[in-house]
Each structure stands twice: as structure tokens, then as C-alpha cells.
Amino acid sequence: MISDPTYWSDDVAYCIERTHKLTLDKPCITIKIPFDRLGLDENRDQVVLSDFALRDWINHIEALNEWIYNRSRSDKENGAFYCFRPTNVVLQRNASYVEFISEKWYLCLMITVQLPFQNHDKAMRMLCKMLPKEVEAFIGNWDLTKLKAAYALAEKQNRIREWLKSSPYCAFIGNGSMLPRNKENSGPLEGALPFTSPEDLEIDICGVRGMGIKQGVTVITGGGYSGKSTLLDALNSAIYNHISGDGREFVITDQSAMEISAEEGRSIKNINITPFIKWVPNGSAEQFSTDYASGSTSQAANIMEAINVGCKLLLIDEDRSATNFMIQDNKMRSLIKSEPITPFTERVRELYEVAHVSSVLVIGGSGEFLSVADQIILMDNFVPKNVTQEAKSLCKHDNPRERITPTNWDIERKITSEHFSSYPQGSGTEKLMVSPMGYLMIGEEQIDIRGLYNITSQAQLAAIAFLIRKLTVSNQDHLIFLHEKIKKALHDMEREGVDIVFSTFFPGFERWLEIPRFHEVLSVINRMKHLNFVQHEPSEQR
């Protein structure tokens, strides 16, 4: 007979389970607090509630550890409490969530506990006395006023996001935003200058005034250390809502945005890069594959894959780009007669006008993009200025560009089930690991994900790994339409909880998961070297 792994302290439940099969001395405990103990009378915005609760709970975990800390002993000897420490974005997580049990709503907080080695009395005190006492302190200090402020902030942020969807704008930076980060990247840089919009670019959204970035092609320029890349980084992080105090609460970006860079050495499988690379030696640019891409071919593939996942805003910094991919001036055009690369300057307007994909470009070293931009923002010591007219006047005497043949931006790919597996060939044991050096390993694959700048944390990367693993073990199809499979898996995680993809079989993982975007999941799969990608027409029947 298996005993119930739940114990109760008054009306709070403590559910104990193993974290991993090889770490029985480090159990996972989920604390389930009924809503009425917290003064909550409605199930309102579960993600905001869970995020708020987790950040408050961290202080109580620190208090627990202060009581038992012994600097002369390791955690394994002394014991310790652990909980997830989130970044400043608001996401659905397994470390804190809401659950409906027996006609009641509960706030659930997940922790792991290192039990002290061969000290059962202390282990019992930690779990049955110290932990319940701190949970009661958490309940007693629960601040409904601060929670309501978090709800109000999220509501305003989401209203701005909804407004952007039906407007001619793709991003917004609220006046007063603090964009420069401190060394730990945990908040605003002390003494930084608050953002102020140029008057002629200022708009009002839901009572918040700031700079609107219109759809189309926007160039951000300026001298060294002027704030160009800081602004782009803020826009890149703004695909998610930020907590109060972060400084970027009202920096809001189209949620499909992706930062694009050159990614020399990445794997590319069967992608059409002809919009940017007309031909490649001893290969096909229409079905381009390589295990070690160059800077230009990787950036071309990254853009085509971004379009494939539904990205409507590209964020590009020239410092992270391949120069020959971005530009080619008239002198080089005259000198080089046979050039396979169609530079991004030649396609960026078509990309918006035909594929409806906007671009925000940080450019400091070339004026090639000025003539194709819709708006040009000059950063001067972190102060933005609208210099569109001035910059356009500098381009009046430029030679007109040759019109290039329009291209087809519509692509979609499927994969075959061969090699899409968490089992290395010839092995009966699954392999799944995430390296702190920037690699994800699954089956025979070692996937370099260092160029994916939109992955927010190791917990989000772990969720991507477990989601892909679940796709491999549950797949029954020979031809796999990844879009459908990934979207369904993410929908299930949103509805049933992020934890549904977790497995205790893999001891190398921390226990924490954060829900990822569809974009990053597919981007990781796109970097697998052994998969067989097959292009198909979108009209093909499934």
C-alpha cells in the first residue's frame, strides 16, 4: 500500500514528490494555499497572481535559510530550501501556479528541499515545523494592495499590446522608462537618464505617453555609447510584460518580434535562402543545407526561419550582423561583378511591403539604410531625436538603386520522423541535457542555442528541452508538421500547467520551468543537425 504523499497543516496542503529518481534526499514540495486564506474571492489573471506570489515567497525562503545556515557545512550536510528566482518578466511557470481542487481554488508554490545528511530530526523540523511556520508568515504578510497594483499594471500593459495589434505601430517606449541596465541586469542602472520621446514621434496609448515606432523600416543611429543598442535590447525584452520597478514596464513590442543576427557555425537544413543568396558553390540556395553556416548564410536562414514562425518584426544590430549580408555600396558593386549575395538593404522594403514584416535596425557605420528607412531616430547620449527629414535630404543625390526581382517569402517545412528522437542511435536510454555553456543535447543532437537571444532563462530553455522530448516520444507520424504539434503542446501547457512536460528521469535538470514562445521552440528544432527537413507548399493537404 502506498501512503498519501500529502500532509496538512490546518487547511494548507504540502505535497511531497521526488525531484529526480537519483536525488531522493532532495524532494520537491508543492505548498497549496486556499484562496480564502489570502483574501482572494475571484480567480483573476492567474499568471500575474502566481508571479506576484513567487516574488514575495522568495523573501520567506531566504528567511528559512538564514535560520538554518551554517557556513562550516555544505547544503548537503546542513540542509537548505530552494525556490525559483525569476527575471523581471511575467511568465507562466511551474514554481507558482493556480489550481482548482474539490470546488476550491488554491495558490500553489513549488520548492525543493535539500534534506540534511543522516539527520532525520532536523529534516522533520525543517518540513513539519519551520516550513509551515514560514507559510503562515507568508499568508499573514500577504498584501492585497500590492497585488491589485500588479493587476492594474498588467491590465494597462495588455491594453497597450491590444492597441498595437490594430494600429500602424509595432512598438512603444513610454516616457520615463529607464532603459540602461545595471551590471546584474536585474534593474535600471542607477543614475540613468529617463527616456523622453521626441515631440514629433510622441503618441498617447491608454493614458501613457511615449515614442511610437511605426511599422515599416526604422533605423536607430548615433555615435558610440549613445544608447542605440540599449534601446534595441529594451525592445527585444519587451515581447514580455515587465514587473513594477524594472524600468521598462511601458516598453511594449509586437509579441512576434525576434532579434536576428549572424550565427556563424550553426546548422541549417533545407531552407530557401534565395531572397538573399542567389547561388552557393556546389549546392542549392533553394534547398540550402550546411552543418557550419557562414555569417551571411546564417543570417539569411535566420530571417527566412523567422518569417516561417510568423515573426512580424525583426530587430537587427549591425554589430551582430555579417557586414557583407547587410550592405554593399556602389564602389563594391562596381568592383565585384559576380556577387551571390543580395544585401539586406535591397530586400528590407520589399520584406515590409510584400511580407508585412517590419524591421528596426541599429546602424552606426553606414548610410546605406537611410534611403530605404521610413523613420530615422538619432540617439544622442541616450536622448532620441527624429532626424528622418535631415537624413533623407542627405540621400537626395544618391544614385537610384536598381530594381531587383521580387521574391516569394512564403515557405513552410515539415520533418520526417527519422532521427527525431530522444534516444541516441542504438541506445535504449534517452538523453536530454542542457549545458550552461549554451547547448541543448537530445538524443544524438548537440544544439547550439547561443544565438537565440529571446530565451529568457535556463528554466525556459529547460521547458523547451522537455517539450521537444515530449514531441519525440509521443509522435506517431512519419511526416511531422511542426507548427501544429508545437502550438498544441504549448496550448496544453497553458491550460494544464507548464509541468505536464517535465520528467523525473533526467537528473541533470533543475526543477523549474517557464513557458516558452512557439518561436524559440521551433528555432531550437531548426538547429538540429540530423533532422530531415522537407519543404512543401502551404496548400498541401495534411
Protein backbone atom coordinates (compact mmCIF):
# COMPACT_ATOMS: atom_id res chain seq x y z
CA MET A 1 0.00 0.00 0.00
CA ILE A 2 1.36 3.43 -0.99
CA SER A 3 0.80 6.15 1.58
CA ASP A 4 -0.57 9.55 0.57
CA PRO A 5 2.46 11.83 -0.05
CA THR A 6 0.47 14.87 1.19
CA TYR A 7 0.44 16.26 4.70
CA TRP A 8 -1.70 19.09 6.02
CA SER A 9 -1.08 21.95 8.40
CA ASP A 10 -4.54 23.33 9.12
CA ASP A 11 -6.01 23.93 5.63
CA VAL A 12 -2.67 24.20 3.76
CA ALA A 13 -1.54 21.11 1.85
CA TYR A 14 2.10 20.02 1.45
CA CYS A 15 2.53 17.56 -1.42
CA ILE A 16 5.88 15.74 -1.46
CA GLU A 17 7.32 14.06 -4.55
CA ARG A 18 10.75 13.16 -5.75
CA THR A 19 12.56 15.75 -7.84
CA HIS A 20 14.61 13.15 -9.70
CA LYS A 21 14.94 9.41 -9.23
CA LEU A 22 18.64 9.81 -8.28
CA THR A 23 18.12 12.61 -5.74
CA LEU A 24 15.85 11.12 -3.11
CA ASP A 25 17.40 13.42 -0.48
CA LYS A 26 16.18 16.49 -2.39
CA PRO A 27 12.38 16.19 -2.64
CA CYS A 28 10.06 18.62 -4.37
CA ILE A 29 7.29 20.06 -2.19
CA THR A 30 4.23 21.87 -3.55
CA ILE A 31 2.51 24.09 -0.99
CA LYS A 32 -1.19 24.59 -1.75
CA ILE A 33 -2.83 27.58 -0.04
CA PRO A 34 -6.60 28.07 -0.37
CA PHE A 35 -7.66 31.39 -1.87
CA ASP A 36 -9.77 32.35 1.13
CA ARG A 37 -6.68 32.32 3.39
CA LEU A 38 -5.22 35.04 1.13
CA GLY A 39 -8.40 37.10 0.92
CA LEU A 40 -8.86 36.20 -2.74
CA ASP A 41 -12.50 35.93 -3.75
CA GLU A 42 -12.08 35.57 -7.51
CA ASN A 43 -9.85 33.73 -9.98
CA ARG A 44 -8.33 36.77 -11.69
CA ASP A 45 -5.30 36.70 -14.03
CA GLN A 46 -3.59 33.55 -12.77
CA VAL A 47 -0.21 34.40 -14.33
CA VAL A 48 0.01 37.80 -12.61
CA LEU A 49 -1.15 36.33 -9.29
CA SER A 50 1.36 33.48 -9.49
CA ASP A 51 4.21 35.80 -10.48
CA PHE A 52 3.43 38.23 -7.65
CA ALA A 53 3.22 35.40 -5.09
CA LEU A 54 6.52 33.84 -6.19
CA ARG A 55 8.44 37.11 -5.83
CA ASP A 56 7.03 37.58 -2.33
CA TRP A 57 7.71 33.94 -1.41
CA ILE A 58 11.42 34.31 -2.24
CA ASN A 59 11.86 36.54 0.85
CA HIS A 60 10.41 33.80 3.07
CA ILE A 61 12.71 31.15 1.57
CA GLU A 62 15.65 33.43 2.35
CA ALA A 63 14.40 33.75 5.94
CA LEU A 64 14.20 29.96 6.26
CA ASN A 65 17.75 29.53 5.01
CA GLU A 66 19.06 32.21 7.38
CA TRP A 67 17.70 30.22 10.32
CA ILE A 68 19.48 27.01 9.35
CA TYR A 69 22.59 28.41 7.64
CA ASN A 70 25.94 27.05 8.81
CA ARG A 71 28.91 28.33 6.85
CA SER A 72 31.11 25.44 8.01
CA ARG A 73 28.83 22.90 6.32
CA SER A 74 27.65 22.31 2.75
CA ASP A 75 23.95 22.35 1.88
CA LYS A 76 24.02 18.56 1.69
CA GLU A 77 25.24 18.32 5.29
CA ASN A 78 23.27 21.26 6.66
CA GLY A 79 20.04 21.23 4.63
CA ALA A 80 18.58 24.06 2.55
CA PHE A 81 15.38 25.36 0.95
CA TYR A 82 15.31 26.34 -2.75
CA CYS A 83 12.80 28.17 -4.91
CA PHE A 84 12.93 29.61 -8.41
CA ARG A 85 14.18 33.18 -8.77
CA PRO A 86 12.57 34.75 -11.84
CA THR A 87 13.89 37.52 -14.03
CA ASN A 88 11.84 40.73 -14.31
CA VAL A 89 9.41 39.37 -16.91
CA VAL A 90 5.97 37.97 -16.10
CA LEU A 91 5.56 34.40 -17.38
CA GLN A 92 3.63 31.24 -16.61
CA ARG A 93 5.80 28.91 -14.51
CA ASN A 94 5.67 25.68 -12.57
CA ALA A 95 7.25 27.31 -9.49
CA SER A 96 3.99 29.14 -8.75
CA TYR A 97 0.58 28.46 -10.25
CA VAL A 98 -3.16 28.27 -9.54
CA GLU A 99 -5.09 25.01 -9.24
CA PHE A 100 -8.77 24.11 -8.77
CA ILE A 101 -9.22 21.21 -6.32
CA SER A 102 -12.50 19.91 -4.86
CA GLU A 103 -14.52 23.04 -5.62
CA LYS A 104 -11.81 25.36 -4.24
CA TRP A 105 -9.06 27.48 -5.80
CA TYR A 106 -5.53 27.14 -4.45
CA LEU A 107 -2.32 29.10 -4.90
CA CYS A 108 0.47 26.56 -5.35
CA LEU A 109 4.14 27.26 -4.57
CA MET A 110 6.75 24.70 -5.56
CA ILE A 111 10.08 24.38 -3.73
CA THR A 112 12.83 21.81 -3.43
CA VAL A 113 14.45 20.92 -0.13
CA GLN A 114 17.92 19.54 0.47
CA LEU A 115 17.46 17.26 3.48
CA PRO A 116 20.42 17.24 5.90
CA PHE A 117 22.55 14.11 5.52
CA GLN A 118 21.77 11.48 8.20
CA ASN A 119 19.95 13.99 10.40
CA HIS A 120 16.32 12.86 10.43
CA ASP A 121 15.34 15.02 13.40
CA LYS A 122 16.46 18.19 11.63
CA ALA A 123 14.76 17.07 8.40
CA MET A 124 11.49 16.62 10.32
CA ARG A 125 11.84 20.06 11.93
CA MET A 126 12.52 21.66 8.52
CA LEU A 127 9.50 20.09 6.85
CA CYS A 128 6.93 19.90 9.64
CA LYS A 129 7.69 22.93 11.82
CA MET A 130 9.87 25.53 10.08
CA LEU A 131 8.22 25.36 6.65
CA PRO A 132 4.57 25.54 7.87
CA LYS A 133 5.51 28.39 10.21
CA GLU A 134 7.01 30.39 7.33
CA VAL A 135 4.00 29.65 5.13
CA GLU A 136 1.80 31.14 7.84
CA ALA A 137 4.07 34.20 7.88
CA PHE A 138 3.68 34.44 4.08
CA ILE A 139 -0.12 34.31 4.46
CA GLY A 140 -0.06 36.85 7.29
CA ASN A 141 2.04 39.32 5.27
CA TRP A 142 0.02 38.90 2.07
CA ASP A 143 -0.52 42.39 0.61
CA LEU A 144 -3.73 42.70 -1.42
CA THR A 145 -2.98 46.36 -2.18
CA LYS A 146 0.30 45.49 -3.92
CA LEU A 147 -1.39 42.59 -5.72
CA LYS A 148 -4.09 44.93 -7.05
CA ALA A 149 -1.34 47.29 -8.28
CA ALA A 150 0.27 44.35 -10.14
CA TYR A 151 -3.11 43.52 -11.71
CA ALA A 152 -3.59 47.17 -12.75
CA LEU A 153 -0.12 47.35 -14.32
CA ALA A 154 -0.67 44.14 -16.29
CA GLU A 155 -4.08 45.34 -17.47
CA LYS A 156 -2.58 48.58 -18.80
CA GLN A 157 0.32 46.73 -20.44
CA ASN A 158 -2.09 44.30 -22.13
CA ARG A 159 -4.33 47.15 -23.30
CA ILE A 160 -1.31 48.75 -24.96
CA ARG A 161 -0.45 45.39 -26.60
CA GLU A 162 -4.00 45.05 -27.91
CA TRP A 163 -3.92 48.63 -29.22
CA LEU A 164 -0.67 47.93 -31.09
CA LYS A 165 -2.23 44.93 -32.86
CA SER A 166 -4.82 47.10 -34.61
CA SER A 167 -2.62 50.18 -35.08
CA PRO A 168 0.09 51.17 -37.61
CA TYR A 169 2.69 50.81 -34.83
CA CYS A 170 4.89 47.85 -33.89
CA ALA A 171 6.49 49.12 -30.66
CA PHE A 172 6.14 51.73 -27.95
CA ILE A 173 8.56 53.21 -25.37
CA GLY A 174 6.86 55.08 -22.55
CA ASN A 175 8.25 58.39 -21.33
CA GLY A 176 10.13 57.92 -18.08
CA SER A 177 11.28 54.40 -18.95
CA MET A 178 14.72 53.51 -17.59
CA LEU A 179 16.40 51.56 -20.38
CA PRO A 180 20.07 51.12 -19.30
CA ARG A 181 20.60 48.03 -17.10
CA ASN A 182 22.75 47.56 -14.03
CA LYS A 183 25.66 45.08 -14.01
CA GLU A 184 23.47 42.22 -12.81
CA ASN A 185 20.82 43.04 -15.45
CA SER A 186 18.31 42.95 -12.59
CA GLY A 187 17.03 46.51 -12.84
CA PRO A 188 17.72 50.04 -14.06
CA LEU A 189 21.24 51.46 -13.99
CA GLU A 190 21.50 53.85 -11.06
CA GLY A 191 21.58 57.45 -12.25
CA ALA A 192 20.45 56.58 -15.80
CA LEU A 193 18.55 59.19 -17.80
CA PRO A 194 14.79 58.54 -18.10
CA PHE A 195 13.57 58.09 -21.67
CA THR A 196 11.87 61.09 -23.27
CA SER A 197 10.17 60.86 -26.65
CA PRO A 198 10.85 63.38 -29.42
CA GLU A 199 7.76 65.58 -29.63
CA ASP A 200 7.06 64.72 -33.26
CA LEU A 201 7.11 60.95 -32.50
CA GLU A 202 5.13 61.11 -29.28
CA ILE A 203 1.79 59.32 -29.05
CA ASP A 204 -0.66 58.55 -26.25
CA ILE A 205 -1.80 54.96 -25.67
CA CYS A 206 -4.25 54.21 -22.87
CA GLY A 207 -3.14 57.31 -20.97
CA VAL A 208 0.60 56.57 -21.33
CA ARG A 209 2.65 58.98 -23.45
CA GLY A 210 5.82 57.91 -25.23
CA MET A 211 7.53 57.23 -28.54
CA GLY A 212 5.72 55.10 -31.08
CA ILE A 213 7.69 53.12 -33.64
CA LYS A 214 5.65 52.68 -36.78
CA GLN A 215 5.51 49.55 -38.85
CA GLY A 216 7.92 49.63 -41.78
CA VAL A 217 11.66 50.24 -41.65
CA THR A 218 13.11 52.13 -38.69
CA VAL A 219 16.79 52.99 -38.35
CA ILE A 220 18.27 53.79 -34.94
CA THR A 221 21.61 55.52 -35.33
CA GLY A 222 24.09 57.57 -33.34
CA GLY A 223 27.69 57.59 -32.19
CA GLY A 224 29.43 55.06 -29.98
CA TYR A 225 27.93 54.61 -26.48
CA SER A 226 24.92 56.77 -27.42
CA GLY A 227 22.25 54.24 -26.39
CA LYS A 228 21.43 52.62 -29.75
CA SER A 229 21.91 49.00 -28.66
CA THR A 230 20.37 49.72 -25.26
CA LEU A 231 17.18 50.83 -26.99
CA LEU A 232 17.17 47.74 -29.22
CA ASP A 233 17.76 45.44 -26.23
CA ALA A 234 14.83 47.07 -24.44
CA LEU A 235 12.59 46.48 -27.47
CA ASN A 236 13.79 42.88 -27.65
CA SER A 237 12.93 42.20 -24.00
CA ALA A 238 9.55 43.88 -24.37
CA ILE A 239 7.91 40.88 -26.06
CA TYR A 240 7.00 40.08 -22.42
CA ASN A 241 5.46 42.29 -19.73
CA HIS A 242 7.82 43.54 -17.01
CA ILE A 243 7.21 43.93 -13.29
CA SER A 244 6.93 47.23 -11.47
CA GLY A 245 10.35 48.68 -10.72
CA ASP A 246 12.05 47.13 -13.73
CA GLY A 247 12.12 50.48 -15.53
CA ARG A 248 10.78 49.03 -18.78
CA GLU A 249 7.18 48.50 -17.64
CA PHE A 250 5.84 50.51 -20.56
CA VAL A 251 8.24 49.37 -23.24
CA ILE A 252 5.92 47.23 -25.35
CA THR A 253 6.89 45.37 -28.53
CA ASP A 254 4.97 43.25 -31.02
CA GLN A 255 4.94 39.84 -29.35
CA SER A 256 6.13 38.09 -32.51
CA ALA A 257 9.37 40.12 -32.63
CA MET A 258 12.71 38.32 -32.92
CA GLU A 259 16.29 39.55 -32.70
CA ILE A 260 18.20 38.44 -35.78
CA SER A 261 21.97 38.15 -36.04
CA ALA A 262 24.69 36.33 -37.90
CA GLU A 263 25.27 32.93 -36.31
CA GLU A 264 28.43 31.56 -37.85
CA GLY A 265 28.76 27.80 -37.44
CA ARG A 266 25.07 26.99 -36.91
CA SER A 267 23.38 24.07 -38.63
CA ILE A 268 20.90 24.83 -41.44
CA LYS A 269 18.69 22.22 -43.07
CA ASN A 270 16.86 22.58 -46.37
CA ILE A 271 15.80 26.22 -46.32
CA ASN A 272 15.25 28.55 -49.28
CA ILE A 273 17.69 31.47 -48.88
CA THR A 274 17.44 32.73 -52.48
CA PRO A 275 15.92 36.07 -51.44
CA PHE A 276 19.39 36.91 -50.08
CA ILE A 277 21.80 34.32 -51.54
CA LYS A 278 21.29 33.73 -55.26
CA TRP A 279 23.61 30.74 -55.52
CA VAL A 280 26.10 28.75 -53.46
CA PRO A 281 29.10 26.76 -54.74
CA ASN A 282 28.40 23.05 -55.17
CA GLY A 283 24.94 23.32 -53.64
CA SER A 284 21.42 24.67 -53.86
CA ALA A 285 20.36 28.01 -52.43
CA GLU A 286 16.71 26.96 -52.84
CA GLN A 287 17.22 23.96 -50.54
CA PHE A 288 20.26 25.13 -48.65
CA SER A 289 21.84 22.86 -46.03
CA THR A 290 25.09 23.03 -44.10
CA ASP A 291 26.42 21.90 -40.75
CA TYR A 292 28.57 25.03 -40.40
CA ALA A 293 27.00 28.15 -41.88
CA SER A 294 28.89 31.33 -42.72
CA GLY A 295 27.86 34.67 -41.26
CA SER A 296 25.87 35.68 -44.33
CA THR A 297 24.13 32.34 -44.96
CA SER A 298 23.24 32.00 -41.26
CA GLN A 299 21.71 35.47 -41.16
CA ALA A 300 19.75 34.76 -44.35
CA ALA A 301 18.44 31.50 -42.86
CA ASN A 302 17.59 33.19 -39.57
CA ILE A 303 15.41 35.74 -41.37
CA MET A 304 13.65 33.12 -43.50
CA GLU A 305 13.00 30.96 -40.43
CA ALA A 306 11.70 33.98 -38.50
CA ILE A 307 9.20 34.67 -41.26
CA ASN A 308 8.28 30.98 -41.19
CA VAL A 309 7.33 31.16 -37.48
CA GLY A 310 5.13 34.23 -38.01
CA CYS A 311 7.54 36.97 -36.92
CA LYS A 312 6.27 40.44 -37.91
CA LEU A 313 9.15 42.49 -36.51
CA LEU A 314 12.89 41.90 -37.00
CA LEU A 315 15.31 43.54 -34.54
CA ILE A 316 18.81 43.75 -36.03
CA ASP A 317 22.03 45.26 -34.65
CA GLU A 318 24.79 45.76 -37.20
CA ASP A 319 27.36 44.81 -34.54
CA ARG A 320 25.91 41.28 -34.51
CA SER A 321 25.45 41.06 -38.26
CA ALA A 322 27.53 39.97 -41.24
CA THR A 323 28.65 43.17 -42.97
CA ASN A 324 28.51 41.69 -46.47
CA PHE A 325 24.98 40.48 -45.80
CA MET A 326 23.73 43.87 -44.62
CA ILE A 327 25.19 46.27 -47.19
CA GLN A 328 27.17 46.65 -50.41
CA ASP A 329 27.99 50.17 -51.53
CA ASN A 330 28.23 51.38 -55.12
CA LYS A 331 32.02 51.08 -55.30
CA MET A 332 31.93 47.43 -54.26
CA ARG A 333 29.09 46.76 -56.70
CA SER A 334 31.22 48.19 -59.50
CA LEU A 335 34.28 46.20 -58.46
CA ILE A 336 32.61 42.82 -57.81
CA LYS A 337 30.93 41.58 -60.97
CA SER A 338 29.71 38.21 -59.71
CA GLU A 339 28.12 38.62 -56.28
CA PRO A 340 25.77 35.92 -54.99
CA ILE A 341 24.59 37.99 -52.01
CA THR A 342 21.61 40.32 -52.31
CA PRO A 343 22.26 42.60 -49.33
CA PHE A 344 19.53 43.27 -46.78
CA THR A 345 19.33 46.89 -47.94
CA GLU A 346 17.88 45.59 -51.22
CA ARG A 347 15.15 43.48 -49.59
CA VAL A 348 14.18 45.30 -46.41
CA ARG A 349 11.46 47.44 -48.05
CA GLU A 350 10.05 44.50 -50.00
CA LEU A 351 10.04 42.48 -46.80
CA TYR A 352 7.64 45.02 -45.29
CA GLU A 353 5.57 45.82 -48.36
CA VAL A 354 5.07 42.20 -49.52
CA ALA A 355 5.52 40.03 -46.42
CA HIS A 356 4.36 42.71 -43.91
CA VAL A 357 7.46 42.19 -41.76
CA SER A 358 8.83 45.38 -40.20
CA SER A 359 12.47 45.97 -39.24
CA VAL A 360 14.17 48.02 -36.53
CA LEU A 361 17.87 48.37 -37.37
CA VAL A 362 20.71 49.70 -35.24
CA ILE A 363 23.14 51.25 -37.72
CA GLY A 364 26.21 53.31 -36.84
CA GLY A 365 28.73 52.73 -39.59
CA SER A 366 26.95 53.06 -42.94
CA GLY A 367 24.39 55.36 -44.53
CA GLU A 368 23.13 52.67 -46.92
CA PHE A 369 19.93 52.13 -44.93
CA LEU A 370 18.97 55.80 -44.68
CA SER A 371 17.41 55.93 -48.13
CA VAL A 372 15.17 52.88 -47.51
CA ALA A 373 14.04 53.79 -43.97
CA ASP A 374 10.62 55.17 -43.07
CA GLN A 375 11.85 56.81 -39.89
CA ILE A 376 15.35 57.51 -38.58
CA ILE A 377 15.99 58.05 -34.88
CA LEU A 378 19.29 59.53 -33.72
CA MET A 379 20.39 58.61 -30.20
CA ASP A 380 22.47 61.39 -28.67
CA ASN A 381 23.72 60.47 -25.17
CA PHE A 382 20.57 58.32 -24.65
CA VAL A 383 18.26 61.10 -25.87
CA PRO A 384 16.30 60.18 -29.06
CA LYS A 385 15.79 62.69 -31.86
CA ASN A 386 13.75 62.33 -35.03
CA VAL A 387 16.20 63.08 -37.86
CA THR A 388 14.21 61.48 -40.69
CA GLN A 389 13.96 64.61 -42.86
CA GLU A 390 17.57 65.62 -42.29
CA ALA A 391 18.82 62.13 -43.16
CA LYS A 392 16.60 61.87 -46.23
CA SER A 393 17.98 65.18 -47.54
CA LEU A 394 21.46 63.64 -47.41
CA CYS A 395 20.26 60.87 -49.74
CA LYS A 396 18.73 63.11 -52.44
CA HIS A 397 21.72 62.89 -54.75
CA ASP A 398 22.37 59.16 -54.29
CA ASN A 399 22.23 57.09 -57.45
CA PRO A 400 18.85 55.33 -57.72
CA ARG A 401 19.00 51.65 -56.87
CA GLU A 402 18.37 49.04 -59.50
CA ARG A 403 15.02 47.32 -59.05
CA ILE A 404 15.51 43.67 -58.16
CA THR A 405 13.16 40.85 -58.94
CA PRO A 406 10.56 40.37 -56.18
CA THR A 407 10.81 37.11 -54.31
CA ASN A 408 8.44 34.63 -52.72
CA TRP A 409 8.53 34.82 -48.92
CA ASP A 410 6.02 32.02 -48.27
CA ILE A 411 7.69 28.86 -47.05
CA GLU A 412 6.73 26.08 -44.70
CA ARG A 413 8.59 22.92 -43.84
CA LYS A 414 7.84 19.57 -42.31
CA ILE A 415 10.26 16.96 -40.98
CA THR A 416 10.35 13.20 -41.22
CA SER A 417 10.39 11.13 -38.06
CA GLU A 418 13.84 9.65 -38.75
CA HIS A 419 16.36 10.93 -36.18
CA PHE A 420 13.65 12.97 -34.38
CA SER A 421 14.24 11.06 -31.18
CA SER A 422 15.48 11.47 -27.62
CA TYR A 423 17.25 8.11 -27.92
CA PRO A 424 20.80 8.07 -29.33
CA GLN A 425 21.07 5.57 -32.18
CA GLY A 426 21.46 2.04 -30.84
CA SER A 427 20.74 3.10 -27.26
CA GLY A 428 17.83 2.08 -25.08
CA THR A 429 18.25 5.08 -22.79
CA GLU A 430 17.07 8.60 -23.51
CA LYS A 431 19.49 11.52 -23.45
CA LEU A 432 18.37 15.03 -22.54
CA MET A 433 20.64 17.72 -21.09
CA VAL A 434 21.03 21.49 -21.01
CA SER A 435 24.58 22.80 -20.76
CA PRO A 436 25.32 26.14 -19.06
CA MET A 437 27.69 26.79 -22.00
CA GLY A 438 24.74 27.27 -24.36
CA TYR A 439 23.98 23.81 -25.74
CA LEU A 440 20.91 21.59 -25.57
CA MET A 441 21.50 17.86 -26.03
CA ILE A 442 18.74 15.48 -27.03
CA GLY A 443 19.31 12.02 -28.48
CA GLU A 444 22.23 12.37 -30.88
CA GLU A 445 21.84 16.13 -31.20
CA GLN A 446 24.03 18.79 -29.62
CA ILE A 447 22.23 22.03 -30.46
CA ASP A 448 23.99 25.39 -30.21
CA ILE A 449 21.41 27.88 -28.93
CA ARG A 450 23.77 30.77 -28.08
CA GLY A 451 22.36 32.82 -30.96
CA LEU A 452 18.77 32.70 -29.66
CA TYR A 453 18.58 35.98 -27.77
CA ASN A 454 14.88 35.71 -26.88
CA ILE A 455 15.28 32.76 -24.48
CA THR A 456 14.86 34.44 -21.10
CA SER A 457 16.28 31.89 -18.64
CA GLN A 458 17.61 28.38 -18.05
CA ALA A 459 14.09 27.47 -16.87
CA GLN A 460 12.64 28.47 -20.23
CA LEU A 461 15.35 26.54 -22.04
CA ALA A 462 14.60 23.50 -19.85
CA ALA A 463 10.91 23.78 -20.78
CA ILE A 464 11.88 23.86 -24.48
CA ALA A 465 14.02 20.74 -23.98
CA PHE A 466 11.25 18.82 -22.21
CA LEU A 467 8.63 19.97 -24.74
CA ILE A 468 10.74 18.76 -27.67
CA ARG A 469 11.41 15.50 -25.85
CA LYS A 470 7.66 15.04 -25.35
CA LEU A 471 7.06 15.66 -29.06
CA THR A 472 9.60 12.96 -29.94
CA VAL A 473 8.25 10.27 -27.60
CA SER A 474 4.58 10.92 -28.41
CA ASN A 475 4.99 11.23 -32.19
CA GLN A 476 3.23 8.62 -34.32
CA ASP A 477 3.56 10.32 -37.72
CA HIS A 478 6.16 9.76 -40.40
CA LEU A 479 5.78 13.33 -41.70
CA ILE A 480 5.58 15.88 -38.89
CA PHE A 481 4.03 19.34 -39.30
CA LEU A 482 5.95 21.09 -36.55
CA HIS A 483 3.74 24.20 -36.38
CA GLU A 484 0.67 22.17 -35.45
CA LYS A 485 2.49 19.91 -32.96
CA ILE A 486 4.27 22.75 -31.13
CA LYS A 487 1.20 25.00 -30.92
CA LYS A 488 -0.89 22.17 -29.49
CA ALA A 489 1.81 21.31 -26.93
CA LEU A 490 2.06 24.96 -25.82
CA HIS A 491 -1.72 25.23 -25.62
CA ASP A 492 -1.80 22.15 -23.38
CA MET A 493 0.93 23.65 -21.16
CA GLU A 494 -1.01 26.90 -20.81
CA ARG A 495 -4.24 25.07 -19.97
CA GLU A 496 -2.97 22.18 -17.83
CA GLY A 497 0.22 23.67 -16.39
CA VAL A 498 3.80 24.04 -17.57
CA ASP A 499 4.80 20.95 -15.57
CA ILE A 500 2.99 18.48 -17.85
CA VAL A 501 6.15 18.13 -19.98
CA PHE A 502 8.51 17.51 -17.04
CA SER A 503 10.04 14.10 -16.40
CA THR A 504 11.93 12.91 -13.30
CA PHE A 505 14.02 10.62 -15.50
CA PHE A 506 16.70 13.25 -16.25
CA PRO A 507 18.72 14.19 -13.14
CA GLY A 508 20.78 16.95 -14.75
CA PHE A 509 17.91 19.47 -14.70
CA GLU A 510 16.81 21.97 -12.13
CA ARG A 511 13.14 21.56 -11.25
CA TRP A 512 11.98 24.88 -12.66
CA LEU A 513 10.21 25.51 -15.98
CA GLU A 514 8.98 28.71 -17.66
CA ILE A 515 6.67 28.59 -20.66
CA PRO A 516 8.45 29.49 -23.94
CA ARG A 517 7.17 31.05 -27.13
CA PHE A 518 6.42 28.98 -30.21
CA HIS A 519 9.20 30.94 -31.95
CA GLU A 520 12.01 29.70 -29.71
CA VAL A 521 10.83 26.08 -29.68
CA LEU A 522 10.88 25.92 -33.47
CA SER A 523 14.15 27.85 -33.61
CA VAL A 524 15.82 25.18 -31.45
CA ILE A 525 14.47 22.39 -33.68
CA ASN A 526 15.70 24.29 -36.76
CA ARG A 527 19.26 23.99 -35.41
CA MET A 528 19.23 20.18 -35.21
CA LYS A 529 21.89 18.69 -37.48
CA HIS A 530 20.46 15.21 -38.04
CA LEU A 531 16.83 16.00 -38.90
CA ASN A 532 15.45 15.65 -42.39
CA PHE A 533 13.57 18.86 -43.26
CA VAL A 534 11.26 18.81 -46.29
CA GLN A 535 9.86 21.93 -47.91
CA HIS A 536 6.28 21.90 -49.07
CA GLU A 537 3.73 24.28 -50.48
CA PRO A 538 1.35 25.74 -47.86
CA SER A 539 -1.56 24.48 -49.98
CA GLU A 540 -0.53 20.84 -49.50
CA GLN A 541 -3.15 18.73 -47.76
CA ARG A 542 -2.34 17.48 -44.30
